[in-house]
Amino acid sequence: MLDPRNLPDSPYAIGPNGAPDGLFQKFVCYRRDGKDQPGGPKQGAWYFVLDCFNDPYARAAARAYADACEAELPELAEDLRSVLDSWEPVPEEQPHDR
């Protein structure tokens, strides 16, 4: 099982379309307010970055998140859908770099 706090720095697999496959540390993310730093209330948080502009799977995941959070965070759900709806879809034949 992968530990999200100790992921490899580069892809360990290549998918059938030639794109990197598998979970790896492609981005370094942190909260601007510092709450995820040592001693903060969100210390040790793990973030997962999605490219909602180029990756159709990411757009589907963001829409699912909007659906899931709508009851508690209706403005966030509306904002996510608004941003996603404002982009032209990526043609299916265009490869995307994950």
Protein backbone atom coordinates (compact mmCIF):
# COMPACT_ATOMS: atom_id res chain seq x y z
CA MET A 1 0.00 0.00 0.00
CA LEU A 2 1.29 3.47 -0.87
CA ASP A 3 1.84 5.99 1.90
CA PRO A 4 0.65 9.39 0.59
CA ARG A 5 3.36 11.13 2.64
CA ASN A 6 6.12 9.04 1.07
CA LEU A 7 5.33 8.79 -2.64
CA PRO A 8 8.01 8.25 -5.30
CA ASP A 9 9.32 11.41 -7.00
CA SER A 10 8.82 10.04 -10.51
CA PRO A 11 6.35 7.68 -12.16
CA TYR A 12 7.03 4.02 -11.56
CA ALA A 13 4.83 2.88 -14.44
CA ILE A 14 3.92 3.96 -17.95
CA GLY A 15 0.36 3.42 -19.14
CA PRO A 16 -0.70 1.95 -22.48
CA ASN A 17 -0.94 5.45 -24.01
CA GLY A 18 2.65 6.28 -23.02
CA ALA A 19 1.65 8.67 -20.22
CA PRO A 20 2.97 8.29 -16.67
CA ASP A 21 0.77 5.93 -14.69
CA GLY A 22 0.51 5.45 -10.96
CA LEU A 23 0.59 7.87 -8.06
CA PHE A 24 3.78 9.88 -7.60
CA GLN A 25 4.94 13.21 -6.13
CA LYS A 26 4.55 15.47 -9.19
CA PHE A 27 3.59 18.63 -7.27
CA VAL A 28 4.44 20.17 -3.93
CA CYS A 29 1.38 21.76 -2.33
CA TYR A 30 0.86 23.60 0.90
CA ARG A 31 -1.75 25.88 2.42
CA ARG A 32 -1.18 29.59 2.05
CA ASP A 33 -2.38 30.13 5.62
CA GLY A 34 0.19 27.65 7.00
CA LYS A 35 -2.36 25.46 8.79
CA ASP A 36 -0.79 22.30 7.36
CA GLN A 37 2.63 23.08 8.83
CA PRO A 38 3.93 21.44 12.03
CA GLY A 39 1.78 22.48 14.97
CA GLY A 40 -1.09 23.65 12.75
CA PRO A 41 -4.63 22.25 12.94
CA LYS A 42 -4.22 20.57 9.54
CA GLN A 43 -0.66 19.29 10.14
CA GLY A 44 0.15 16.35 7.90
CA ALA A 45 -2.64 17.07 5.40
CA TRP A 46 -2.28 15.38 2.01
CA TYR A 47 -3.32 17.22 -1.15
CA PHE A 48 -4.16 15.76 -4.54
CA VAL A 49 -3.75 18.07 -7.56
CA LEU A 50 -6.10 17.79 -10.55
CA ASP A 51 -5.59 19.42 -13.96
CA CYS A 52 -9.21 20.22 -14.72
CA PHE A 53 -8.32 22.05 -17.93
CA ASN A 54 -6.47 19.27 -19.76
CA ASP A 55 -7.60 16.06 -18.08
CA PRO A 56 -11.18 14.88 -18.66
CA TYR A 57 -10.89 12.49 -15.68
CA ALA A 58 -10.04 15.44 -13.45
CA ARG A 59 -13.12 17.37 -14.62
CA ALA A 60 -15.30 14.35 -13.83
CA ALA A 61 -13.70 14.11 -10.36
CA ALA A 62 -14.26 17.84 -9.72
CA ARG A 63 -17.91 17.50 -10.75
CA ALA A 64 -18.31 14.54 -8.38
CA TYR A 65 -16.76 16.64 -5.60
CA ALA A 66 -19.22 19.46 -6.35
CA ASP A 67 -22.09 16.97 -6.09
CA ALA A 68 -20.73 15.55 -2.83
CA CYS A 69 -20.20 18.91 -1.08
CA GLU A 70 -23.33 20.68 -2.37
CA ALA A 71 -25.46 20.20 0.78
CA GLU A 72 -22.84 21.65 3.15
CA LEU A 73 -20.96 23.98 0.79
CA PRO A 74 -23.44 25.11 -1.89
CA GLU A 75 -21.39 28.13 -2.98
CA LEU A 76 -18.27 26.01 -3.49
CA ALA A 77 -20.29 23.49 -5.51
CA GLU A 78 -21.76 26.28 -7.66
CA ASP A 79 -18.33 27.89 -8.17
CA LEU A 80 -16.75 24.59 -9.22
CA ARG A 81 -19.51 23.88 -11.73
CA SER A 82 -19.34 27.42 -13.07
CA VAL A 83 -15.59 27.22 -13.69
CA LEU A 84 -15.84 23.74 -15.22
CA ASP A 85 -18.72 24.79 -17.48
CA SER A 86 -16.77 27.82 -18.74
CA TRP A 87 -14.01 25.67 -20.32
CA GLU A 88 -14.16 24.02 -23.68
CA PRO A 89 -13.92 20.24 -23.35
CA VAL A 90 -10.63 18.64 -24.33
CA PRO A 91 -11.03 16.55 -27.51
CA GLU A 92 -10.84 12.86 -26.67
CA GLU A 93 -8.17 12.23 -29.27
CA GLN A 94 -5.80 14.75 -27.60
CA PRO A 95 -3.36 12.99 -25.28
CA HIS A 96 -2.90 14.61 -21.92
CA ASP A 97 0.15 14.66 -19.72
CA ARG A 98 -0.82 13.61 -16.23
